[in-house]
């Protein structure tokens, strides 16, 4: 309101019904999301763009899916990589490659909360590869390191080791000693290696020397101002055109993987997926 005098600053959500609103953007902590969806639907707002993470407990995942299936409402979860034209191009290229079987993956990102950025990293990994994770093998989270958003919110750093049905390992880490200041993803297949650096460079390295390695560079890097604008624009256009959600399933799945890591850490054992609706919330991470 101070920066844009013509803006309407409201303190009561019910007052939103005074305006003819097409899309509502929600940038609140995850615990409030489900109740806000229901409230906005009552007001008549049926297109909503949410900040990630969409929830931070399994029960809310189930209730969110149920509410959406029974009501005429459309939502997107703003994982920018899922709305980036460059990342969509990377995905298409990965799909076309003669990769052979998946062998393993390592994903690193800055130590600023496992849930906060980890859910984005996992959503990106699933979106790019379509690899299904079936188990949390092991998890080690740091009770003294992480992102604190107040007395009741703590998102620890650490490392989670996942596996597929074929027992292939995916390692997710934001430990301080990994010295990772930005996003890095390394994937090995039978025939080649994929390296995604900071969401804007994809390196394809073939194991067979007769194949020529390839570097793909984003035209509009997600971390640039132009890249952010285009990702956000794509998310809003998806809502306006009533397109099928490109983000919801990836967003919900990534939350399950993070919470599974929490359970594995606390119980010091492997955890099979999917998680039960009654799975308790360990960390109030957003």
C-alpha atoms as a PDB file:
ATOM      1  CA  UNK A   1       0.000   0.000   0.000  1.00  0.00           C
ATOM      2  CA  UNK A   2       2.852   2.392   0.809  1.00  0.00           C
ATOM      3  CA  UNK A   3       4.658   1.538  -2.422  1.00  0.00           C
ATOM      4  CA  UNK A   4       1.521   1.390  -4.609  1.00  0.00           C
ATOM      5  CA  UNK A   5      -1.009   3.970  -3.366  1.00  0.00           C
ATOM      6  CA  UNK A   6      -3.729   2.700  -5.718  1.00  0.00           C
ATOM      7  CA  UNK A   7      -3.602  -0.770  -4.128  1.00  0.00           C
ATOM      8  CA  UNK A   8      -6.415  -1.885  -1.840  1.00  0.00           C
ATOM      9  CA  UNK A   9      -5.095  -3.023   1.540  1.00  0.00           C
ATOM     10  CA  UNK A  10      -7.611  -5.176   3.404  1.00  0.00           C
ATOM     11  CA  UNK A  11      -7.439  -6.673   6.877  1.00  0.00           C
ATOM     12  CA  UNK A  12     -10.485  -8.953   6.586  1.00  0.00           C
ATOM     13  CA  UNK A  13     -10.498 -11.735   4.013  1.00  0.00           C
ATOM     14  CA  UNK A  14     -14.288 -11.467   3.680  1.00  0.00           C
ATOM     15  CA  UNK A  15     -13.831  -8.033   2.108  1.00  0.00           C
ATOM     16  CA  UNK A  16     -12.328  -9.706  -0.985  1.00  0.00           C
ATOM     17  CA  UNK A  17     -15.886 -10.447  -2.155  1.00  0.00           C
ATOM     18  CA  UNK A  18     -16.311  -6.711  -2.809  1.00  0.00           C
ATOM     19  CA  UNK A  19     -13.995  -7.096  -5.822  1.00  0.00           C
ATOM     20  CA  UNK A  20     -14.345  -9.105  -9.008  1.00  0.00           C
ATOM     21  CA  UNK A  21     -11.233 -11.231  -8.466  1.00  0.00           C
ATOM     22  CA  UNK A  22     -10.092 -13.710 -11.130  1.00  0.00           C
ATOM     23  CA  UNK A  23      -7.018 -15.112  -9.383  1.00  0.00           C
ATOM     24  CA  UNK A  24      -5.869 -14.995  -5.775  1.00  0.00           C
ATOM     25  CA  UNK A  25      -2.193 -15.460  -4.928  1.00  0.00           C
ATOM     26  CA  UNK A  26      -1.564 -16.912  -1.472  1.00  0.00           C
ATOM     27  CA  UNK A  27       1.819 -16.310   0.167  1.00  0.00           C
ATOM     28  CA  UNK A  28       1.250 -17.576   3.708  1.00  0.00           C
ATOM     29  CA  UNK A  29       2.670 -20.456   5.729  1.00  0.00           C
ATOM     30  CA  UNK A  30       1.508 -23.934   4.765  1.00  0.00           C
ATOM     31  CA  UNK A  31      -0.662 -24.617   7.820  1.00  0.00           C
ATOM     32  CA  UNK A  32      -3.134 -21.946   6.681  1.00  0.00           C
ATOM     33  CA  UNK A  33      -3.482 -23.066   3.062  1.00  0.00           C
ATOM     34  CA  UNK A  34      -6.325 -25.557   3.358  1.00  0.00           C
ATOM     35  CA  UNK A  35      -8.545 -23.258   5.422  1.00  0.00           C
ATOM     36  CA  UNK A  36      -7.825 -20.378   3.015  1.00  0.00           C
ATOM     37  CA  UNK A  37      -8.823 -22.506   0.006  1.00  0.00           C
ATOM     38  CA  UNK A  38     -12.164 -23.244   1.638  1.00  0.00           C
ATOM     39  CA  UNK A  39     -12.713 -19.611   2.602  1.00  0.00           C
ATOM     40  CA  UNK A  40     -11.840 -18.234  -0.824  1.00  0.00           C
ATOM     41  CA  UNK A  41     -14.130 -20.788  -2.449  1.00  0.00           C
ATOM     42  CA  UNK A  42     -16.992 -19.550  -0.252  1.00  0.00           C
ATOM     43  CA  UNK A  43     -16.230 -16.000  -1.378  1.00  0.00           C
ATOM     44  CA  UNK A  44     -16.373 -17.116  -5.008  1.00  0.00           C
ATOM     45  CA  UNK A  45     -12.672 -17.160  -5.930  1.00  0.00           C
ATOM     46  CA  UNK A  46     -11.978 -20.368  -7.840  1.00  0.00           C
ATOM     47  CA  UNK A  47      -8.469 -19.876  -9.232  1.00  0.00           C
ATOM     48  CA  UNK A  48      -5.611 -19.771  -6.721  1.00  0.00           C
ATOM     49  CA  UNK A  49      -1.829 -19.689  -7.029  1.00  0.00           C
ATOM     50  CA  UNK A  50      -0.044 -20.913  -3.886  1.00  0.00           C
ATOM     51  CA  UNK A  51       3.467 -20.405  -2.665  1.00  0.00           C
ATOM     52  CA  UNK A  52       5.300 -23.683  -1.956  1.00  0.00           C
ATOM     53  CA  UNK A  53       5.169 -25.833   0.094  1.00  0.00           C
ATOM     54  CA  UNK A  54       1.448 -26.495  -0.320  1.00  0.00           C
ATOM     55  CA  UNK A  55       1.068 -28.299   3.047  1.00  0.00           C
ATOM     56  CA  UNK A  56       3.267 -29.612   5.832  1.00  0.00           C
ATOM     57  CA  UNK A  57       1.246 -32.607   6.986  1.00  0.00           C
ATOM     58  CA  UNK A  58      -0.106 -35.720   5.276  1.00  0.00           C
ATOM     59  CA  UNK A  59      -3.671 -35.247   6.531  1.00  0.00           C
ATOM     60  CA  UNK A  60      -3.835 -31.897   4.722  1.00  0.00           C
ATOM     61  CA  UNK A  61      -2.630 -33.579   1.518  1.00  0.00           C
ATOM     62  CA  UNK A  62      -5.578 -35.997   1.655  1.00  0.00           C
ATOM     63  CA  UNK A  63      -8.091 -33.293   2.596  1.00  0.00           C
ATOM     64  CA  UNK A  64      -6.811 -30.970  -0.136  1.00  0.00           C
ATOM     65  CA  UNK A  65      -7.190 -33.636  -2.838  1.00  0.00           C
ATOM     66  CA  UNK A  66     -10.674 -34.476  -1.559  1.00  0.00           C
ATOM     67  CA  UNK A  67     -11.791 -30.826  -1.558  1.00  0.00           C
ATOM     68  CA  UNK A  68     -10.496 -30.217  -5.070  1.00  0.00           C
ATOM     69  CA  UNK A  69     -12.158 -33.345  -6.462  1.00  0.00           C
ATOM     70  CA  UNK A  70     -15.542 -32.353  -4.998  1.00  0.00           C
ATOM     71  CA  UNK A  71     -15.543 -28.649  -5.890  1.00  0.00           C
ATOM     72  CA  UNK A  72     -15.150 -26.487  -8.981  1.00  0.00           C
ATOM     73  CA  UNK A  73     -11.823 -24.898  -8.075  1.00  0.00           C
ATOM     74  CA  UNK A  74      -8.409 -24.807  -9.733  1.00  0.00           C
ATOM     75  CA  UNK A  75      -5.078 -24.320  -7.997  1.00  0.00           C
ATOM     76  CA  UNK A  76      -1.408 -24.273  -8.942  1.00  0.00           C
ATOM     77  CA  UNK A  77       1.560 -24.508  -6.592  1.00  0.00           C
ATOM     78  CA  UNK A  78       4.365 -22.159  -7.550  1.00  0.00           C
ATOM     79  CA  UNK A  79       7.359 -24.414  -8.009  1.00  0.00           C
ATOM     80  CA  UNK A  80       8.993 -22.132 -10.622  1.00  0.00           C
ATOM     81  CA  UNK A  81      10.810 -24.956 -12.434  1.00  0.00           C
ATOM     82  CA  UNK A  82       7.455 -26.521 -13.314  1.00  0.00           C
ATOM     83  CA  UNK A  83       6.478 -23.352 -15.182  1.00  0.00           C
ATOM     84  CA  UNK A  84       9.828 -22.602 -16.840  1.00  0.00           C
ATOM     85  CA  UNK A  85       9.971 -22.981 -20.637  1.00  0.00           C
ATOM     86  CA  UNK A  86      13.681 -23.777 -20.343  1.00  0.00           C
ATOM     87  CA  UNK A  87      13.117 -26.566 -17.818  1.00  0.00           C
ATOM     88  CA  UNK A  88      10.286 -27.892 -20.015  1.00  0.00           C
ATOM     89  CA  UNK A  89      12.793 -28.000 -22.881  1.00  0.00           C
ATOM     90  CA  UNK A  90      15.307 -29.819 -20.664  1.00  0.00           C
ATOM     91  CA  UNK A  91      12.590 -32.327 -19.754  1.00  0.00           C
ATOM     92  CA  UNK A  92      11.748 -32.959 -23.414  1.00  0.00           C
ATOM     93  CA  UNK A  93      15.421 -33.480 -24.231  1.00  0.00           C
ATOM     94  CA  UNK A  94      15.901 -35.898 -21.317  1.00  0.00           C
ATOM     95  CA  UNK A  95      12.863 -37.896 -22.452  1.00  0.00           C
ATOM     96  CA  UNK A  96      14.269 -38.201 -25.994  1.00  0.00           C
ATOM     97  CA  UNK A  97      17.732 -39.404 -24.918  1.00  0.00           C
ATOM     98  CA  UNK A  98      18.793 -43.033 -25.133  1.00  0.00           C
ATOM     99  CA  UNK A  99      19.569 -43.107 -21.414  1.00  0.00           C
ATOM    100  CA  UNK A 100      19.238 -46.754 -20.501  1.00  0.00           C
ATOM    101  CA  UNK A 101      18.139 -47.673 -16.972  1.00  0.00           C
ATOM    102  CA  UNK A 102      18.314 -45.171 -14.114  1.00  0.00           C
ATOM    103  CA  UNK A 103      21.187 -45.932 -11.702  1.00  0.00           C
ATOM    104  CA  UNK A 104      21.444 -43.153  -9.086  1.00  0.00           C
ATOM    105  CA  UNK A 105      21.055 -39.435  -8.380  1.00  0.00           C
ATOM    106  CA  UNK A 106      22.459 -36.791  -6.045  1.00  0.00           C
ATOM    107  CA  UNK A 107      20.719 -33.470  -5.366  1.00  0.00           C
ATOM    108  CA  UNK A 108      22.356 -30.620  -3.430  1.00  0.00           C
ATOM    109  CA  UNK A 109      21.046 -27.189  -2.447  1.00  0.00           C
ATOM    110  CA  UNK A 110      21.837 -24.389  -0.010  1.00  0.00           C
ATOM    111  CA  UNK A 111      21.374 -25.007   3.759  1.00  0.00           C
ATOM    112  CA  UNK A 112      18.169 -23.018   4.143  1.00  0.00           C
ATOM    113  CA  UNK A 113      15.690 -25.655   5.305  1.00  0.00           C
ATOM    114  CA  UNK A 114      15.171 -29.197   4.009  1.00  0.00           C
ATOM    115  CA  UNK A 115      11.427 -28.720   3.529  1.00  0.00           C
ATOM    116  CA  UNK A 116      11.528 -25.166   2.210  1.00  0.00           C
ATOM    117  CA  UNK A 117      13.821 -25.863  -0.758  1.00  0.00           C
ATOM    118  CA  UNK A 118      13.888 -29.663  -0.637  1.00  0.00           C
ATOM    119  CA  UNK A 119      10.261 -29.943  -1.749  1.00  0.00           C
ATOM    120  CA  UNK A 120      11.136 -27.767  -4.757  1.00  0.00           C
ATOM    121  CA  UNK A 121      14.190 -29.882  -5.576  1.00  0.00           C
ATOM    122  CA  UNK A 122      12.159 -33.104  -5.355  1.00  0.00           C
ATOM    123  CA  UNK A 123       9.309 -31.702  -7.453  1.00  0.00           C
ATOM    124  CA  UNK A 124      11.864 -30.684 -10.094  1.00  0.00           C
ATOM    125  CA  UNK A 125      13.533 -34.107 -10.031  1.00  0.00           C
ATOM    126  CA  UNK A 126      10.205 -35.925 -10.441  1.00  0.00           C
ATOM    127  CA  UNK A 127       9.061 -33.522 -13.171  1.00  0.00           C
ATOM    128  CA  UNK A 128      12.258 -33.922 -15.202  1.00  0.00           C
ATOM    129  CA  UNK A 129      12.732 -37.678 -14.849  1.00  0.00           C
ATOM    130  CA  UNK A 130       9.334 -39.212 -13.939  1.00  0.00           C
ATOM    131  CA  UNK A 131      11.283 -41.502 -11.582  1.00  0.00           C
ATOM    132  CA  UNK A 132       9.074 -42.868  -8.795  1.00  0.00           C
ATOM    133  CA  UNK A 133      10.475 -42.951  -5.251  1.00  0.00           C
ATOM    134  CA  UNK A 134       9.108 -45.817  -3.154  1.00  0.00           C
ATOM    135  CA  UNK A 135      11.064 -45.664   0.111  1.00  0.00           C
ATOM    136  CA  UNK A 136      13.049 -43.455   2.455  1.00  0.00           C
ATOM    137  CA  UNK A 137      16.092 -45.556   3.236  1.00  0.00           C
ATOM    138  CA  UNK A 138      17.693 -43.280   5.799  1.00  0.00           C
ATOM    139  CA  UNK A 139      17.494 -39.712   7.041  1.00  0.00           C
ATOM    140  CA  UNK A 140      19.727 -37.532   9.172  1.00  0.00           C
ATOM    141  CA  UNK A 141      18.415 -34.072  10.076  1.00  0.00           C
ATOM    142  CA  UNK A 142      20.188 -31.407  12.119  1.00  0.00           C
ATOM    143  CA  UNK A 143      18.300 -30.265  15.199  1.00  0.00           C
ATOM    144  CA  UNK A 144      20.622 -27.253  15.556  1.00  0.00           C
ATOM    145  CA  UNK A 145      20.763 -26.145  11.893  1.00  0.00           C
ATOM    146  CA  UNK A 146      18.011 -24.979   9.613  1.00  0.00           C
ATOM    147  CA  UNK A 147      15.492 -22.265   8.818  1.00  0.00           C
ATOM    148  CA  UNK A 148      13.562 -20.683  11.694  1.00  0.00           C
ATOM    149  CA  UNK A 149      10.474 -18.626  10.926  1.00  0.00           C
ATOM    150  CA  UNK A 150       9.588 -17.926  14.536  1.00  0.00           C
ATOM    151  CA  UNK A 151       9.269 -19.789  17.799  1.00  0.00           C
ATOM    152  CA  UNK A 152       6.893 -22.442  16.451  1.00  0.00           C
ATOM    153  CA  UNK A 153       8.480 -23.015  13.032  1.00  0.00           C
ATOM    154  CA  UNK A 154      11.686 -24.935  12.366  1.00  0.00           C
ATOM    155  CA  UNK A 155      12.897 -26.482   9.130  1.00  0.00           C
ATOM    156  CA  UNK A 156      16.093 -28.520   9.726  1.00  0.00           C
ATOM    157  CA  UNK A 157      18.934 -29.020   7.272  1.00  0.00           C
ATOM    158  CA  UNK A 158      20.269 -32.500   6.648  1.00  0.00           C
ATOM    159  CA  UNK A 159      20.334 -35.430   4.261  1.00  0.00           C
ATOM    160  CA  UNK A 160      17.638 -37.871   3.115  1.00  0.00           C
ATOM    161  CA  UNK A 161      18.366 -41.034   1.129  1.00  0.00           C
ATOM    162  CA  UNK A 162      15.500 -42.328  -1.023  1.00  0.00           C
ATOM    163  CA  UNK A 163      15.196 -45.442  -3.169  1.00  0.00           C
ATOM    164  CA  UNK A 164      13.112 -46.634  -6.108  1.00  0.00           C
ATOM    165  CA  UNK A 165      11.301 -49.967  -6.384  1.00  0.00           C
ATOM    166  CA  UNK A 166      14.494 -51.278  -8.044  1.00  0.00           C
ATOM    167  CA  UNK A 167      16.545 -50.107  -5.028  1.00  0.00           C
ATOM    168  CA  UNK A 168      18.255 -47.297  -6.937  1.00  0.00           C
ATOM    169  CA  UNK A 169      19.388 -44.459  -4.662  1.00  0.00           C
ATOM    170  CA  UNK A 170      18.491 -40.747  -4.737  1.00  0.00           C
ATOM    171  CA  UNK A 171      20.429 -38.653  -2.223  1.00  0.00           C
ATOM    172  CA  UNK A 172      19.039 -35.237  -1.186  1.00  0.00           C
ATOM    173  CA  UNK A 173      21.361 -33.030   0.882  1.00  0.00           C
ATOM    174  CA  UNK A 174      21.663 -29.476   2.131  1.00  0.00           C
ATOM    175  CA  UNK A 175      24.273 -30.083   4.819  1.00  0.00           C
ATOM    176  CA  UNK A 176      26.604 -27.153   5.434  1.00  0.00           C
ATOM    177  CA  UNK A 177      29.665 -29.286   4.749  1.00  0.00           C
ATOM    178  CA  UNK A 178      28.429 -29.986   1.193  1.00  0.00           C
ATOM    179  CA  UNK A 179      29.466 -26.376   0.360  1.00  0.00           C
ATOM    180  CA  UNK A 180      26.524 -26.013  -2.007  1.00  0.00           C
ATOM    181  CA  UNK A 181      25.425 -22.383  -2.359  1.00  0.00           C
ATOM    182  CA  UNK A 182      23.067 -23.163  -5.227  1.00  0.00           C
ATOM    183  CA  UNK A 183      21.080 -26.040  -6.715  1.00  0.00           C
ATOM    184  CA  UNK A 184      22.951 -28.993  -8.270  1.00  0.00           C
ATOM    185  CA  UNK A 185      21.489 -32.272  -9.545  1.00  0.00           C
ATOM    186  CA  UNK A 186      23.578 -35.198 -10.821  1.00  0.00           C
ATOM    187  CA  UNK A 187      21.841 -38.212 -12.394  1.00  0.00           C
ATOM    188  CA  UNK A 188      23.464 -41.379 -13.710  1.00  0.00           C
ATOM    189  CA  UNK A 189      21.860 -43.705 -16.257  1.00  0.00           C
ATOM    190  CA  UNK A 190      23.316 -46.768 -17.954  1.00  0.00           C
ATOM    191  CA  UNK A 191      24.409 -44.786 -21.023  1.00  0.00           C
ATOM    192  CA  UNK A 192      25.050 -41.258 -19.774  1.00  0.00           C
ATOM    193  CA  UNK A 193      25.289 -38.690 -16.986  1.00  0.00           C
ATOM    194  CA  UNK A 194      23.032 -35.650 -16.549  1.00  0.00           C
ATOM    195  CA  UNK A 195      24.132 -32.588 -14.573  1.00  0.00           C
ATOM    196  CA  UNK A 196      21.678 -29.767 -13.891  1.00  0.00           C
ATOM    197  CA  UNK A 197      23.362 -26.710 -12.392  1.00  0.00           C
ATOM    198  CA  UNK A 198      21.326 -23.939 -10.765  1.00  0.00           C
ATOM    199  CA  UNK A 199      18.309 -24.814 -12.942  1.00  0.00           C
ATOM    200  CA  UNK A 200      19.882 -23.042 -15.931  1.00  0.00           C
ATOM    201  CA  UNK A 201      22.510 -25.429 -17.393  1.00  0.00           C
ATOM    202  CA  UNK A 202      21.989 -29.069 -18.375  1.00  0.00           C
ATOM    203  CA  UNK A 203      25.120 -31.063 -19.226  1.00  0.00           C
ATOM    204  CA  UNK A 204      24.733 -34.408 -21.012  1.00  0.00           C
ATOM    205  CA  UNK A 205      27.860 -36.593 -20.826  1.00  0.00           C
ATOM    206  CA  UNK A 206      27.869 -39.924 -22.635  1.00  0.00           C
ATOM    207  CA  UNK A 207      29.726 -42.945 -21.276  1.00  0.00           C
ATOM    208  CA  UNK A 208      30.431 -44.056 -24.836  1.00  0.00           C
ATOM    209  CA  UNK A 209      33.191 -41.831 -26.239  1.00  0.00           C
ATOM    210  CA  UNK A 210      31.721 -42.087 -29.734  1.00  0.00           C
ATOM    211  CA  UNK A 211      28.803 -39.889 -28.653  1.00  0.00           C
ATOM    212  CA  UNK A 212      29.282 -36.136 -28.430  1.00  0.00           C
ATOM    213  CA  UNK A 213      28.590 -34.499 -25.065  1.00  0.00           C
ATOM    214  CA  UNK A 214      26.074 -31.673 -25.032  1.00  0.00           C
ATOM    215  CA  UNK A 215      25.468 -28.537 -22.945  1.00  0.00           C
ATOM    216  CA  UNK A 216      22.005 -26.917 -22.912  1.00  0.00           C
ATOM    217  CA  UNK A 217      21.790 -23.388 -21.501  1.00  0.00           C
ATOM    218  CA  UNK A 218      18.579 -21.693 -20.395  1.00  0.00           C
ATOM    219  CA  UNK A 219      17.560 -18.627 -22.396  1.00  0.00           C
ATOM    220  CA  UNK A 220      15.678 -17.198 -19.421  1.00  0.00           C
ATOM    221  CA  UNK A 221      17.368 -18.557 -16.254  1.00  0.00           C
ATOM    222  CA  UNK A 222      14.890 -19.013 -13.416  1.00  0.00           C
ATOM    223  CA  UNK A 223      17.049 -16.989 -11.027  1.00  0.00           C
ATOM    224  CA  UNK A 224      17.107 -13.951 -13.321  1.00  0.00           C
ATOM    225  CA  UNK A 225      14.445 -11.232 -13.153  1.00  0.00           C
ATOM    226  CA  UNK A 226      13.222 -12.076 -16.657  1.00  0.00           C
ATOM    227  CA  UNK A 227      13.156 -15.782 -15.837  1.00  0.00           C
ATOM    228  CA  UNK A 228      11.107 -15.237 -12.678  1.00  0.00           C
ATOM    229  CA  UNK A 229       8.658 -13.052 -14.567  1.00  0.00           C
ATOM    230  CA  UNK A 230       8.113 -15.646 -17.296  1.00  0.00           C
ATOM    231  CA  UNK A 231       7.655 -18.506 -14.794  1.00  0.00           C
ATOM    232  CA  UNK A 232       5.061 -16.508 -12.874  1.00  0.00           C
ATOM    233  CA  UNK A 233       3.364 -15.445 -16.106  1.00  0.00           C
ATOM    234  CA  UNK A 234       3.161 -19.102 -17.192  1.00  0.00           C
ATOM    235  CA  UNK A 235       1.570 -20.113 -13.881  1.00  0.00           C
ATOM    236  CA  UNK A 236      -1.083 -17.382 -14.145  1.00  0.00           C
ATOM    237  CA  UNK A 237      -1.820 -18.183 -17.806  1.00  0.00           C
ATOM    238  CA  UNK A 238      -2.318 -21.841 -16.816  1.00  0.00           C
ATOM    239  CA  UNK A 239      -4.975 -20.742 -14.339  1.00  0.00           C
ATOM    240  CA  UNK A 240      -6.640 -18.264 -16.705  1.00  0.00           C
ATOM    241  CA  UNK A 241      -6.943 -20.797 -19.504  1.00  0.00           C
ATOM    242  CA  UNK A 242      -8.368 -23.493 -17.210  1.00  0.00           C
ATOM    243  CA  UNK A 243      -5.560 -25.848 -18.086  1.00  0.00           C
ATOM    244  CA  UNK A 244      -5.061 -29.047 -16.105  1.00  0.00           C
ATOM    245  CA  UNK A 245      -2.758 -28.460 -13.138  1.00  0.00           C
ATOM    246  CA  UNK A 246       0.908 -28.954 -13.969  1.00  0.00           C
ATOM    247  CA  UNK A 247       2.088 -28.628 -10.388  1.00  0.00           C
ATOM    248  CA  UNK A 248      -0.322 -30.065  -7.826  1.00  0.00           C
ATOM    249  CA  UNK A 249       0.616 -33.765  -7.936  1.00  0.00           C
ATOM    250  CA  UNK A 250       4.343 -32.953  -7.933  1.00  0.00           C
ATOM    251  CA  UNK A 251       3.832 -30.546  -5.009  1.00  0.00           C
ATOM    252  CA  UNK A 252       1.863 -33.015  -2.902  1.00  0.00           C
ATOM    253  CA  UNK A 253       4.276 -35.868  -3.670  1.00  0.00           C
ATOM    254  CA  UNK A 254       7.293 -33.764  -2.673  1.00  0.00           C
ATOM    255  CA  UNK A 255       5.705 -32.959   0.697  1.00  0.00           C
ATOM    256  CA  UNK A 256       5.145 -36.667   1.337  1.00  0.00           C
ATOM    257  CA  UNK A 257       8.822 -37.331   0.617  1.00  0.00           C
ATOM    258  CA  UNK A 258       9.971 -34.572   3.003  1.00  0.00           C
ATOM    259  CA  UNK A 259       7.650 -35.745   5.788  1.00  0.00           C
ATOM    260  CA  UNK A 260       8.766 -39.324   5.178  1.00  0.00           C
ATOM    261  CA  UNK A 261      12.307 -38.085   5.755  1.00  0.00           C
ATOM    262  CA  UNK A 262      11.193 -36.521   9.037  1.00  0.00           C
ATOM    263  CA  UNK A 263       9.666 -39.815  10.198  1.00  0.00           C
ATOM    264  CA  UNK A 264      12.750 -41.795   9.153  1.00  0.00           C
ATOM    265  CA  UNK A 265      14.984 -39.411  11.118  1.00  0.00           C
ATOM    266  CA  UNK A 266      12.921 -39.539  14.299  1.00  0.00           C
ATOM    267  CA  UNK A 267      12.377 -43.315  14.248  1.00  0.00           C
ATOM    268  CA  UNK A 268      15.851 -44.078  12.854  1.00  0.00           C
ATOM    269  CA  UNK A 269      14.527 -46.565  10.318  1.00  0.00           C
ATOM    270  CA  UNK A 270      13.463 -46.862   6.699  1.00  0.00           C
ATOM    271  CA  UNK A 271       9.963 -45.716   5.723  1.00  0.00           C
ATOM    272  CA  UNK A 272       7.806 -47.162   2.934  1.00  0.00           C
ATOM    273  CA  UNK A 273       5.563 -44.998   0.777  1.00  0.00           C
ATOM    274  CA  UNK A 274       2.789 -43.974   0.560  1.00  0.00           C
ATOM    275  CA  UNK A 275       2.405 -42.531   4.042  1.00  0.00           C
ATOM    276  CA  UNK A 276      -0.754 -43.083   6.039  1.00  0.00           C
ATOM    277  CA  UNK A 277      -3.202 -40.209   6.506  1.00  0.00           C
ATOM    278  CA  UNK A 278      -2.595 -40.374  10.269  1.00  0.00           C
ATOM    279  CA  UNK A 279       1.168 -39.795   9.917  1.00  0.00           C
ATOM    280  CA  UNK A 280       2.060 -37.160  12.543  1.00  0.00           C
ATOM    281  CA  UNK A 281       3.721 -33.856  11.755  1.00  0.00           C
ATOM    282  CA  UNK A 282       7.245 -33.799  13.222  1.00  0.00           C
ATOM    283  CA  UNK A 283       8.461 -30.360  12.139  1.00  0.00           C
ATOM    284  CA  UNK A 284       6.298 -27.310  11.543  1.00  0.00           C
ATOM    285  CA  UNK A 285       8.571 -26.469   8.624  1.00  0.00           C
ATOM    286  CA  UNK A 286       6.460 -23.811   6.909  1.00  0.00           C
END
